[in-house]
Amino acid sequence: MRLKVLALAAGLAALAGVAAAQDNAEIVVTAARYMDNDSGAAVVIPHVTLKRRADNLVTTVRVVCDTRDETLRGEELRKTLRDMIATAAASGGTITLSVGDTILVPFDESMIEKSIFPEGRPDTSYAAVVVKTAVTADDTYDGAVARVRGFVAATPKTGRTEVLADGRWDLTLVGPERNRQELIGLIAADARQTAAIFGAGFGVEVDGLHNPIAWYQSGPLDLDLYIPYALKTSGTAAP
């Protein structure tokens, strides 16, 4: 029985920098991750996947103010954003705030001024903030959503400011490349088992282990991680 892993050493070396950069990066899981980035075609998911609970449930809330006076409108928005930060800090880690689209970074008072933009309507400004709630092992989707909605309701709103949580709900994954060695171990075990089924004189080749880890949502709060690899048999049957 032979097990041949193609280009593994070169692939892991090339990925060392990527893995280090993604060790602590928080990635937003969207349906686009399930598609090929170039063609838009559906990705073929390999047999071996690793189930992981998401780290956070997130949604982007819009903090909107339509006070006519521009100076007062800015003051009301800034005060509401500061109160959002304070309310999240008082949650004991249940709620945290971020900004970003695909990769999230923590939101703090130093970012408030640059987060406010004109809205499409006259005399209206807004800021977009990602609200996150940590997902626990025994969490439910409804329970996690309720925590975020409770936070939005509890945040003081100044003047004519509103905090609107009516957008899409997504999951996040922190440092996906941290799971690489465990995934490769599962792939190697499956390859050995496959080679054993074919018997003496046969082996398997595994190609594609240099690819970055990908994932898709497999449940309301769960993800399946995988490496897009291909496995094929080689050899001849023993006489």
Protein backbone atom coordinates (compact mmCIF):
# COMPACT_ATOMS: atom_id res chain seq x y z
CA MET A 1 0.00 0.00 0.00
CA ARG A 2 1.43 3.39 -1.02
CA LEU A 3 0.30 6.89 -0.10
CA LYS A 4 1.59 9.69 -2.31
CA VAL A 5 0.90 13.33 -1.41
CA LEU A 6 1.68 15.59 -4.36
CA ALA A 7 3.46 18.90 -3.78
CA LEU A 8 2.69 18.83 -0.06
CA ALA A 9 5.99 20.28 1.14
CA ALA A 10 5.93 23.11 -1.40
CA GLY A 11 2.28 23.82 -0.71
CA LEU A 12 2.71 24.01 3.05
CA ALA A 13 5.72 26.29 2.67
CA ALA A 14 3.80 28.63 0.39
CA LEU A 15 0.91 28.70 2.82
CA ALA A 16 3.00 29.41 5.90
CA GLY A 17 2.65 33.17 5.49
CA VAL A 18 -1.06 32.92 4.67
CA ALA A 19 -1.74 30.73 7.69
CA ALA A 20 0.12 33.09 9.98
CA ALA A 21 -1.84 36.05 8.63
CA GLN A 22 -5.14 34.22 9.14
CA ASP A 23 -4.40 32.78 12.60
CA ASN A 24 -6.44 35.49 14.29
CA ALA A 25 -8.42 36.89 11.36
CA GLU A 26 -12.19 36.74 11.77
CA ILE A 27 -13.78 35.79 8.47
CA VAL A 28 -17.44 36.37 7.62
CA VAL A 29 -19.03 33.22 6.18
CA THR A 30 -21.26 33.98 3.20
CA ALA A 31 -22.76 31.90 0.40
CA ALA A 32 -20.06 33.27 -1.92
CA ARG A 33 -17.48 31.12 -0.12
CA TYR A 34 -19.32 28.07 -1.51
CA MET A 35 -18.75 29.26 -5.08
CA ASP A 36 -15.70 29.33 -7.30
CA ASN A 37 -14.33 32.89 -7.25
CA ASP A 38 -13.48 32.96 -10.97
CA SER A 39 -16.29 31.12 -12.75
CA GLY A 40 -19.13 31.44 -10.26
CA ALA A 41 -19.74 27.69 -10.58
CA ALA A 42 -20.57 25.59 -7.57
CA VAL A 43 -17.54 24.08 -5.84
CA VAL A 44 -17.39 20.28 -5.62
CA ILE A 45 -17.11 19.49 -1.92
CA PRO A 46 -14.68 16.62 -1.15
CA HIS A 47 -15.65 13.65 0.97
CA VAL A 48 -13.60 14.68 4.00
CA THR A 49 -14.85 17.72 5.93
CA LEU A 50 -14.41 18.98 9.46
CA LYS A 51 -17.47 20.23 11.33
CA ARG A 52 -16.99 23.34 13.45
CA ARG A 53 -19.40 25.52 15.38
CA ALA A 54 -19.22 29.14 14.22
CA ASP A 55 -17.44 31.60 16.51
CA ASN A 56 -20.03 34.36 16.20
CA LEU A 57 -23.41 35.21 14.75
CA VAL A 58 -23.21 38.67 13.21
CA THR A 59 -25.37 41.27 11.53
CA THR A 60 -24.66 44.77 10.28
CA VAL A 61 -26.83 47.40 11.94
CA ARG A 62 -27.41 50.84 10.48
CA VAL A 63 -27.25 53.75 12.91
CA VAL A 64 -29.30 56.45 11.15
CA CYS A 65 -30.09 60.03 12.12
CA ASP A 66 -32.24 62.53 10.17
CA THR A 67 -31.96 65.59 12.43
CA ARG A 68 -32.00 68.55 10.01
CA ASP A 69 -29.18 70.56 11.61
CA GLU A 70 -25.93 68.97 10.41
CA THR A 71 -23.91 69.77 13.56
CA LEU A 72 -26.60 68.43 15.88
CA ARG A 73 -27.10 65.38 13.67
CA GLY A 74 -23.41 64.51 13.97
CA GLU A 75 -23.49 64.95 17.73
CA GLU A 76 -26.51 62.66 18.06
CA LEU A 77 -24.91 59.98 15.91
CA ARG A 78 -21.61 60.12 17.78
CA LYS A 79 -23.36 59.93 21.15
CA THR A 80 -25.42 56.91 20.06
CA LEU A 81 -22.31 55.16 18.71
CA ARG A 82 -20.47 55.80 21.98
CA ASP A 83 -23.46 54.39 23.86
CA MET A 84 -23.40 51.31 21.63
CA ILE A 85 -19.75 50.76 22.54
CA ALA A 86 -20.52 51.22 26.26
CA THR A 87 -23.55 48.89 26.14
CA ALA A 88 -21.50 46.20 24.40
CA ALA A 89 -18.70 46.58 26.97
CA ALA A 90 -21.26 46.12 29.77
CA SER A 91 -22.47 42.81 28.27
CA GLY A 92 -19.57 40.86 29.72
CA GLY A 93 -18.34 39.74 26.30
CA THR A 94 -21.74 38.52 25.12
CA ILE A 95 -21.86 41.31 22.53
CA THR A 96 -18.92 42.84 20.67
CA LEU A 97 -18.73 45.36 17.84
CA SER A 98 -16.71 45.31 14.63
CA VAL A 99 -16.49 46.91 11.23
CA GLY A 100 -15.69 45.33 7.90
CA ASP A 101 -17.16 43.19 5.17
CA THR A 102 -15.27 39.94 4.65
CA ILE A 103 -12.69 40.33 7.43
CA LEU A 104 -13.80 42.01 10.67
CA VAL A 105 -11.81 44.33 12.93
CA PRO A 106 -12.90 45.59 16.37
CA PHE A 107 -14.83 48.86 16.46
CA ASP A 108 -13.90 51.50 19.06
CA GLU A 109 -14.32 55.23 19.68
CA SER A 110 -11.31 56.11 17.55
CA MET A 111 -13.24 54.92 14.48
CA ILE A 112 -16.47 56.82 15.08
CA GLU A 113 -15.65 59.95 13.08
CA LYS A 114 -14.62 58.03 9.98
CA SER A 115 -17.64 55.72 10.20
CA ILE A 116 -20.29 58.41 9.57
CA PHE A 117 -21.45 59.02 5.99
CA PRO A 118 -24.23 60.88 4.18
CA GLU A 119 -27.27 58.74 3.52
CA GLY A 120 -29.35 58.73 0.34
CA ARG A 121 -32.08 60.90 1.85
CA PRO A 122 -31.66 64.64 2.44
CA ASP A 123 -30.38 65.74 5.87
CA THR A 124 -29.64 62.16 6.87
CA SER A 125 -26.41 60.50 7.97
CA TYR A 126 -25.60 56.95 9.01
CA ALA A 127 -22.94 54.59 10.29
CA ALA A 128 -22.75 50.82 9.72
CA VAL A 129 -21.55 48.67 12.63
CA VAL A 130 -21.27 44.88 12.79
CA VAL A 131 -22.83 43.49 15.97
CA LYS A 132 -21.52 40.08 17.03
CA THR A 133 -22.63 37.58 19.63
CA ALA A 134 -20.43 34.62 20.55
CA VAL A 135 -21.89 31.22 19.68
CA THR A 136 -21.73 28.64 22.48
CA ALA A 137 -21.89 24.86 22.21
CA ASP A 138 -25.52 24.70 23.34
CA ASP A 139 -26.71 27.85 21.55
CA THR A 140 -29.71 28.04 19.27
CA TYR A 141 -30.06 30.35 16.31
CA ASP A 142 -33.12 32.03 17.81
CA GLY A 143 -31.33 32.53 21.12
CA ALA A 144 -28.32 34.15 19.46
CA VAL A 145 -30.52 36.43 17.36
CA ALA A 146 -32.46 37.43 20.48
CA ARG A 147 -29.25 38.51 22.22
CA VAL A 148 -28.39 40.87 19.38
CA ARG A 149 -31.91 42.28 19.21
CA GLY A 150 -31.87 42.75 22.99
CA PHE A 151 -28.61 44.68 22.71
CA VAL A 152 -30.07 46.94 20.02
CA ALA A 153 -33.14 47.60 22.16
CA ALA A 154 -31.02 48.33 25.25
CA THR A 155 -28.70 50.83 23.52
CA PRO A 156 -29.71 54.44 24.31
CA LYS A 157 -30.56 56.44 21.18
CA THR A 158 -29.92 60.17 21.21
CA GLY A 159 -32.28 62.61 19.48
CA ARG A 160 -33.65 61.30 16.21
CA THR A 161 -31.11 58.48 15.93
CA GLU A 162 -32.32 54.95 15.18
CA VAL A 163 -30.42 51.65 15.35
CA LEU A 164 -31.83 49.36 12.66
CA ALA A 165 -31.06 45.63 12.77
CA ASP A 166 -32.93 44.47 9.70
CA GLY A 167 -30.08 43.18 7.54
CA ARG A 168 -28.63 39.76 6.78
CA TRP A 169 -27.43 37.41 9.51
CA ASP A 170 -24.07 35.69 8.96
CA LEU A 171 -21.63 33.48 10.82
CA THR A 172 -17.93 34.12 11.42
CA LEU A 173 -14.93 31.87 11.76
CA VAL A 174 -11.73 32.95 13.53
CA GLY A 175 -8.43 31.74 12.05
CA PRO A 176 -9.66 29.03 9.65
CA GLU A 177 -6.10 27.95 8.81
CA ARG A 178 -5.65 26.80 12.41
CA ASN A 179 -7.63 23.72 11.39
CA ARG A 180 -5.26 22.72 8.57
CA GLN A 181 -3.30 19.99 10.35
CA GLU A 182 -6.43 18.32 11.70
CA LEU A 183 -8.01 18.37 8.25
CA ILE A 184 -4.89 16.93 6.60
CA GLY A 185 -4.86 14.18 9.22
CA LEU A 186 -8.45 13.27 8.36
CA ILE A 187 -7.65 13.28 4.64
CA ALA A 188 -4.58 11.06 5.16
CA ALA A 189 -6.59 8.59 7.25
CA ASP A 190 -9.27 8.42 4.55
CA ALA A 191 -6.61 7.93 1.86
CA ARG A 192 -5.03 5.04 3.79
CA GLN A 193 -8.42 3.41 4.26
CA THR A 194 -9.19 3.81 0.56
CA ALA A 195 -5.84 2.27 -0.47
CA ALA A 196 -6.44 -0.67 1.89
CA ILE A 197 -9.79 -1.43 0.26
CA PHE A 198 -8.10 -1.85 -3.15
CA GLY A 199 -5.46 -4.15 -1.65
CA ALA A 200 -1.77 -4.81 -2.25
CA GLY A 201 -0.25 -3.12 -5.26
CA PHE A 202 -2.58 -0.15 -5.13
CA GLY A 203 -2.04 3.25 -3.66
CA VAL A 204 -3.69 6.62 -3.71
CA GLU A 205 -2.53 10.06 -4.79
CA VAL A 206 -3.80 13.17 -3.02
CA ASP A 207 -3.49 16.43 -4.91
CA GLY A 208 -4.54 19.92 -3.86
CA LEU A 209 -3.47 20.06 -0.21
CA HIS A 210 -1.81 23.40 -0.98
CA ASN A 211 -5.26 24.99 -1.39
CA PRO A 212 -6.53 27.32 1.34
CA ILE A 213 -9.19 25.98 3.65
CA ALA A 214 -12.72 26.63 2.42
CA TRP A 215 -16.03 26.23 4.20
CA TYR A 216 -19.78 26.31 3.92
CA GLN A 217 -22.66 26.68 6.35
CA SER A 218 -23.99 23.24 7.25
CA GLY A 219 -26.47 24.25 9.94
CA PRO A 220 -27.97 27.36 11.55
CA LEU A 221 -24.82 27.87 13.65
CA ASP A 222 -22.47 25.23 12.18
CA LEU A 223 -19.83 25.16 9.46
CA ASP A 224 -18.12 22.40 7.50
CA LEU A 225 -14.46 23.10 6.69
CA TYR A 226 -12.62 21.40 3.84
CA ILE A 227 -9.56 21.55 1.63
CA PRO A 228 -10.43 21.31 -2.09
CA TYR A 229 -8.36 18.20 -2.88
CA ALA A 230 -8.58 15.31 -5.35
CA LEU A 231 -7.85 11.66 -4.61
CA LYS A 232 -7.15 8.98 -7.20
CA THR A 233 -5.96 5.37 -7.09
CA SER A 234 -2.82 4.10 -8.80
CA GLY A 235 -1.07 0.78 -9.23
CA THR A 236 -2.02 -2.72 -10.33
CA ALA A 237 -3.52 -5.67 -8.52
CA ALA A 238 -1.08 -8.20 -7.11
CA PRO A 239 -0.97 -11.51 -9.04
